[in-house]
């Protein structure tokens, strides 16, 4: 049940990220056309693209984690027993959950500092706390998905070890 809820939330977040990415593509296209056809690009287009892409990436991460689709390098893992590989995978998920928690904390502090000091983008004067705060749900959701995956791997390893012990 938890996995279904997390997966649906991750899909919704990824769809929002997709809308942001399409918006960034549209802004880039309009700016390039304006530059080529009328010598009038969108002012601050690069700032907008940076902000939109940062938030979009944060939105895509939870779906990647809940589907367990992160890149792995299995050079050493091919020589190790399957149980050891599962333990390493569980540790990796739990470490990702911890790192995600740290990122949420530090990004929230960054957004609060940006709000307190009225930090703005250079060209457009967009308050920087807005995209920083917009990244928080994606990073927090990444942490929840990683924690779930880590706990699931540990529980699955305990079940696998118990069933292997029964079969001996």
C-alpha atoms as a PDB file:
ATOM      1  CA  UNK A   1       0.000   0.000   0.000  1.00  0.00           C
ATOM      2  CA  UNK A   2       2.789   2.409   0.931  1.00  0.00           C
ATOM      3  CA  UNK A   3       4.610   1.637  -2.298  1.00  0.00           C
ATOM      4  CA  UNK A   4       1.497   2.410  -4.366  1.00  0.00           C
ATOM      5  CA  UNK A   5       0.979   5.769  -2.651  1.00  0.00           C
ATOM      6  CA  UNK A   6       4.652   6.705  -3.000  1.00  0.00           C
ATOM      7  CA  UNK A   7       4.679   5.653  -6.637  1.00  0.00           C
ATOM      8  CA  UNK A   8       1.559   7.693  -7.445  1.00  0.00           C
ATOM      9  CA  UNK A   9       2.974  10.745  -5.691  1.00  0.00           C
ATOM     10  CA  UNK A  10       6.271  10.269  -7.521  1.00  0.00           C
ATOM     11  CA  UNK A  11       4.457  10.010 -10.857  1.00  0.00           C
ATOM     12  CA  UNK A  12       2.494  13.199 -10.114  1.00  0.00           C
ATOM     13  CA  UNK A  13       5.694  14.975  -9.160  1.00  0.00           C
ATOM     14  CA  UNK A  14       7.435  13.754 -12.322  1.00  0.00           C
ATOM     15  CA  UNK A  15       4.512  14.996 -14.411  1.00  0.00           C
ATOM     16  CA  UNK A  16       4.873  18.419 -12.780  1.00  0.00           C
ATOM     17  CA  UNK A  17       8.581  18.250 -13.595  1.00  0.00           C
ATOM     18  CA  UNK A  18       7.669  17.409 -17.173  1.00  0.00           C
ATOM     19  CA  UNK A  19       5.465  20.498 -17.394  1.00  0.00           C
ATOM     20  CA  UNK A  20       8.339  22.596 -16.053  1.00  0.00           C
ATOM     21  CA  UNK A  21      10.722  21.034 -18.564  1.00  0.00           C
ATOM     22  CA  UNK A  22       8.317  21.704 -21.436  1.00  0.00           C
ATOM     23  CA  UNK A  23       7.991  25.293 -20.204  1.00  0.00           C
ATOM     24  CA  UNK A  24      11.761  25.638 -20.226  1.00  0.00           C
ATOM     25  CA  UNK A  25      11.892  24.274 -23.761  1.00  0.00           C
ATOM     26  CA  UNK A  26       9.183  26.722 -24.834  1.00  0.00           C
ATOM     27  CA  UNK A  27      11.009  29.674 -23.282  1.00  0.00           C
ATOM     28  CA  UNK A  28      14.245  28.626 -24.939  1.00  0.00           C
ATOM     29  CA  UNK A  29      12.539  28.216 -28.305  1.00  0.00           C
ATOM     30  CA  UNK A  30      10.792  31.591 -28.075  1.00  0.00           C
ATOM     31  CA  UNK A  31      14.011  33.268 -27.046  1.00  0.00           C
ATOM     32  CA  UNK A  32      15.945  31.730 -29.955  1.00  0.00           C
ATOM     33  CA  UNK A  33      13.220  32.654 -32.448  1.00  0.00           C
ATOM     34  CA  UNK A  34      13.051  36.167 -31.041  1.00  0.00           C
ATOM     35  CA  UNK A  35      16.814  36.492 -31.293  1.00  0.00           C
ATOM     36  CA  UNK A  36      16.960  35.230 -34.895  1.00  0.00           C
ATOM     37  CA  UNK A  37      13.832  36.797 -36.348  1.00  0.00           C
ATOM     38  CA  UNK A  38      13.451  40.101 -34.510  1.00  0.00           C
ATOM     39  CA  UNK A  39      16.751  40.559 -32.666  1.00  0.00           C
ATOM     40  CA  UNK A  40      14.722  40.537 -29.461  1.00  0.00           C
ATOM     41  CA  UNK A  41      15.424  37.515 -27.231  1.00  0.00           C
ATOM     42  CA  UNK A  42      13.573  36.976 -23.973  1.00  0.00           C
ATOM     43  CA  UNK A  43      15.408  38.976 -21.360  1.00  0.00           C
ATOM     44  CA  UNK A  44      16.717  36.744 -18.580  1.00  0.00           C
ATOM     45  CA  UNK A  45      15.939  33.531 -20.421  1.00  0.00           C
ATOM     46  CA  UNK A  46      19.008  31.776 -19.029  1.00  0.00           C
ATOM     47  CA  UNK A  47      17.989  32.636 -15.453  1.00  0.00           C
ATOM     48  CA  UNK A  48      14.517  31.225 -16.061  1.00  0.00           C
ATOM     49  CA  UNK A  49      15.934  28.077 -17.650  1.00  0.00           C
ATOM     50  CA  UNK A  50      18.295  27.474 -14.725  1.00  0.00           C
ATOM     51  CA  UNK A  51      15.503  27.828 -12.193  1.00  0.00           C
ATOM     52  CA  UNK A  52      13.018  25.686 -14.112  1.00  0.00           C
ATOM     53  CA  UNK A  53      15.520  22.905 -14.804  1.00  0.00           C
ATOM     54  CA  UNK A  54      16.685  22.776 -11.171  1.00  0.00           C
ATOM     55  CA  UNK A  55      13.114  22.343  -9.941  1.00  0.00           C
ATOM     56  CA  UNK A  56      12.284  19.858 -12.729  1.00  0.00           C
ATOM     57  CA  UNK A  57      15.279  17.658 -11.863  1.00  0.00           C
ATOM     58  CA  UNK A  58      14.215  17.607  -8.216  1.00  0.00           C
ATOM     59  CA  UNK A  59      10.740  16.535  -9.368  1.00  0.00           C
ATOM     60  CA  UNK A  60      12.077  13.609 -11.433  1.00  0.00           C
ATOM     61  CA  UNK A  61      14.279  12.060  -8.721  1.00  0.00           C
ATOM     62  CA  UNK A  62      11.545  10.383  -6.614  1.00  0.00           C
ATOM     63  CA  UNK A  63      10.163   8.395  -9.559  1.00  0.00           C
ATOM     64  CA  UNK A  64      13.655   7.236 -10.420  1.00  0.00           C
ATOM     65  CA  UNK A  65      14.169   6.035  -6.839  1.00  0.00           C
ATOM     66  CA  UNK A  66      10.799   4.342  -6.268  1.00  0.00           C
ATOM     67  CA  UNK A  67      11.278   2.419  -9.529  1.00  0.00           C
ATOM     68  CA  UNK A  68      14.861   1.572  -8.473  1.00  0.00           C
ATOM     69  CA  UNK A  69      16.288   2.926 -11.727  1.00  0.00           C
ATOM     70  CA  UNK A  70      19.420   4.681 -10.541  1.00  0.00           C
ATOM     71  CA  UNK A  71      22.661   3.931 -12.336  1.00  0.00           C
ATOM     72  CA  UNK A  72      24.689   1.173 -10.732  1.00  0.00           C
ATOM     73  CA  UNK A  73      28.197   0.039 -11.478  1.00  0.00           C
ATOM     74  CA  UNK A  74      28.315  -3.682 -10.840  1.00  0.00           C
ATOM     75  CA  UNK A  75      32.000  -4.324 -11.493  1.00  0.00           C
ATOM     76  CA  UNK A  76      32.655  -5.738  -8.038  1.00  0.00           C
ATOM     77  CA  UNK A  77      29.095  -6.919  -7.472  1.00  0.00           C
ATOM     78  CA  UNK A  78      29.321  -9.643 -10.099  1.00  0.00           C
ATOM     79  CA  UNK A  79      31.934 -11.440  -7.995  1.00  0.00           C
ATOM     80  CA  UNK A  80      29.944 -11.248  -4.742  1.00  0.00           C
ATOM     81  CA  UNK A  81      27.110 -13.453  -3.475  1.00  0.00           C
ATOM     82  CA  UNK A  82      23.544 -12.290  -4.179  1.00  0.00           C
ATOM     83  CA  UNK A  83      22.770 -11.706  -0.497  1.00  0.00           C
ATOM     84  CA  UNK A  84      25.783  -9.404  -0.148  1.00  0.00           C
ATOM     85  CA  UNK A  85      24.668  -7.444  -3.231  1.00  0.00           C
ATOM     86  CA  UNK A  86      21.183  -7.045  -1.720  1.00  0.00           C
ATOM     87  CA  UNK A  87      22.708  -5.786   1.531  1.00  0.00           C
ATOM     88  CA  UNK A  88      24.824  -3.270  -0.410  1.00  0.00           C
ATOM     89  CA  UNK A  89      21.720  -2.121  -2.279  1.00  0.00           C
ATOM     90  CA  UNK A  90      19.815  -1.644   0.977  1.00  0.00           C
ATOM     91  CA  UNK A  91      22.712   0.376   2.400  1.00  0.00           C
ATOM     92  CA  UNK A  92      22.817   2.514  -0.756  1.00  0.00           C
ATOM     93  CA  UNK A  93      19.092   3.291  -0.482  1.00  0.00           C
ATOM     94  CA  UNK A  94      19.394   4.173   3.202  1.00  0.00           C
ATOM     95  CA  UNK A  95      22.429   6.392   2.570  1.00  0.00           C
ATOM     96  CA  UNK A  96      20.486   8.146  -0.201  1.00  0.00           C
ATOM     97  CA  UNK A  97      17.645   8.733   2.270  1.00  0.00           C
ATOM     98  CA  UNK A  98      20.128  10.256   4.712  1.00  0.00           C
ATOM     99  CA  UNK A  99      21.737  12.454   2.046  1.00  0.00           C
ATOM    100  CA  UNK A 100      18.295  13.537   0.869  1.00  0.00           C
ATOM    101  CA  UNK A 101      17.406  14.536   4.411  1.00  0.00           C
ATOM    102  CA  UNK A 102      20.565  16.633   4.589  1.00  0.00           C
ATOM    103  CA  UNK A 103      19.732  18.246   1.245  1.00  0.00           C
ATOM    104  CA  UNK A 104      16.216  19.118   2.421  1.00  0.00           C
ATOM    105  CA  UNK A 105      17.593  20.680   5.574  1.00  0.00           C
ATOM    106  CA  UNK A 106      20.310  22.687   3.822  1.00  0.00           C
ATOM    107  CA  UNK A 107      18.072  23.745   0.915  1.00  0.00           C
ATOM    108  CA  UNK A 108      15.401  24.901   3.363  1.00  0.00           C
ATOM    109  CA  UNK A 109      18.019  26.946   5.220  1.00  0.00           C
ATOM    110  CA  UNK A 110      19.225  28.384   1.909  1.00  0.00           C
ATOM    111  CA  UNK A 111      15.656  29.356   0.949  1.00  0.00           C
ATOM    112  CA  UNK A 112      15.118  30.985   4.348  1.00  0.00           C
ATOM    113  CA  UNK A 113      18.378  32.935   4.030  1.00  0.00           C
ATOM    114  CA  UNK A 114      17.436  34.029   0.520  1.00  0.00           C
ATOM    115  CA  UNK A 115      14.053  35.182   1.802  1.00  0.00           C
ATOM    116  CA  UNK A 116      15.572  36.962   4.806  1.00  0.00           C
ATOM    117  CA  UNK A 117      18.200  38.793   2.763  1.00  0.00           C
ATOM    118  CA  UNK A 118      15.899  39.385  -0.230  1.00  0.00           C
ATOM    119  CA  UNK A 119      18.289  37.637  -2.644  1.00  0.00           C
ATOM    120  CA  UNK A 120      17.192  38.071  -6.249  1.00  0.00           C
ATOM    121  CA  UNK A 121      18.291  36.887  -9.656  1.00  0.00           C
ATOM    122  CA  UNK A 122      20.565  39.333 -11.463  1.00  0.00           C
ATOM    123  CA  UNK A 123      18.580  40.191 -14.589  1.00  0.00           C
ATOM    124  CA  UNK A 124      14.947  39.585 -13.726  1.00  0.00           C
ATOM    125  CA  UNK A 125      15.014  40.213  -9.997  1.00  0.00           C
ATOM    126  CA  UNK A 126      13.140  36.990  -9.231  1.00  0.00           C
ATOM    127  CA  UNK A 127      13.372  36.170  -5.517  1.00  0.00           C
ATOM    128  CA  UNK A 128      15.752  33.223  -5.257  1.00  0.00           C
ATOM    129  CA  UNK A 129      13.852  31.616  -2.403  1.00  0.00           C
ATOM    130  CA  UNK A 130      11.011  30.690  -4.773  1.00  0.00           C
ATOM    131  CA  UNK A 131      12.861  28.091  -6.905  1.00  0.00           C
ATOM    132  CA  UNK A 132      14.852  26.965  -3.865  1.00  0.00           C
ATOM    133  CA  UNK A 133      11.669  26.289  -1.911  1.00  0.00           C
ATOM    134  CA  UNK A 134      10.099  24.674  -4.991  1.00  0.00           C
ATOM    135  CA  UNK A 135      12.880  22.077  -4.972  1.00  0.00           C
ATOM    136  CA  UNK A 136      12.072  20.960  -1.420  1.00  0.00           C
ATOM    137  CA  UNK A 137       9.071  18.684  -2.149  1.00  0.00           C
ATOM    138  CA  UNK A 138      11.016  16.736  -4.775  1.00  0.00           C
ATOM    139  CA  UNK A 139      14.046  16.266  -2.553  1.00  0.00           C
ATOM    140  CA  UNK A 140      11.872  15.326   0.437  1.00  0.00           C
ATOM    141  CA  UNK A 141       9.936  12.840  -1.676  1.00  0.00           C
ATOM    142  CA  UNK A 142      13.234  11.377  -2.885  1.00  0.00           C
ATOM    143  CA  UNK A 143      14.174  10.784   0.743  1.00  0.00           C
ATOM    144  CA  UNK A 144      10.855   9.094   1.514  1.00  0.00           C
ATOM    145  CA  UNK A 145      11.177   6.838  -1.527  1.00  0.00           C
ATOM    146  CA  UNK A 146      14.791   5.966  -0.667  1.00  0.00           C
ATOM    147  CA  UNK A 147      13.843   5.188   2.941  1.00  0.00           C
ATOM    148  CA  UNK A 148      11.017   2.959   1.753  1.00  0.00           C
ATOM    149  CA  UNK A 149      13.313   1.181  -0.707  1.00  0.00           C
ATOM    150  CA  UNK A 150      15.974   0.687   1.972  1.00  0.00           C
ATOM    151  CA  UNK A 151      13.497  -0.738   4.485  1.00  0.00           C
ATOM    152  CA  UNK A 152      11.956  -2.924   1.783  1.00  0.00           C
ATOM    153  CA  UNK A 153      15.394  -4.298   0.851  1.00  0.00           C
ATOM    154  CA  UNK A 154      16.231  -5.053   4.484  1.00  0.00           C
ATOM    155  CA  UNK A 155      12.868  -6.757   5.070  1.00  0.00           C
ATOM    156  CA  UNK A 156      13.257  -8.707   1.822  1.00  0.00           C
ATOM    157  CA  UNK A 157      16.764  -9.812   2.857  1.00  0.00           C
ATOM    158  CA  UNK A 158      15.468 -11.041   6.223  1.00  0.00           C
ATOM    159  CA  UNK A 159      12.714 -13.005   4.481  1.00  0.00           C
ATOM    160  CA  UNK A 160      15.189 -14.409   1.940  1.00  0.00           C
ATOM    161  CA  UNK A 161      17.633 -15.418   4.657  1.00  0.00           C
ATOM    162  CA  UNK A 162      14.833 -17.075   6.646  1.00  0.00           C
ATOM    163  CA  UNK A 163      13.600 -19.019   3.615  1.00  0.00           C
ATOM    164  CA  UNK A 164      17.160 -20.099   2.762  1.00  0.00           C
ATOM    165  CA  UNK A 165      17.589 -21.285   6.347  1.00  0.00           C
ATOM    166  CA  UNK A 166      14.343 -23.272   6.126  1.00  0.00           C
ATOM    167  CA  UNK A 167      15.432 -24.951   2.909  1.00  0.00           C
ATOM    168  CA  UNK A 168      18.709 -26.186   4.425  1.00  0.00           C
END
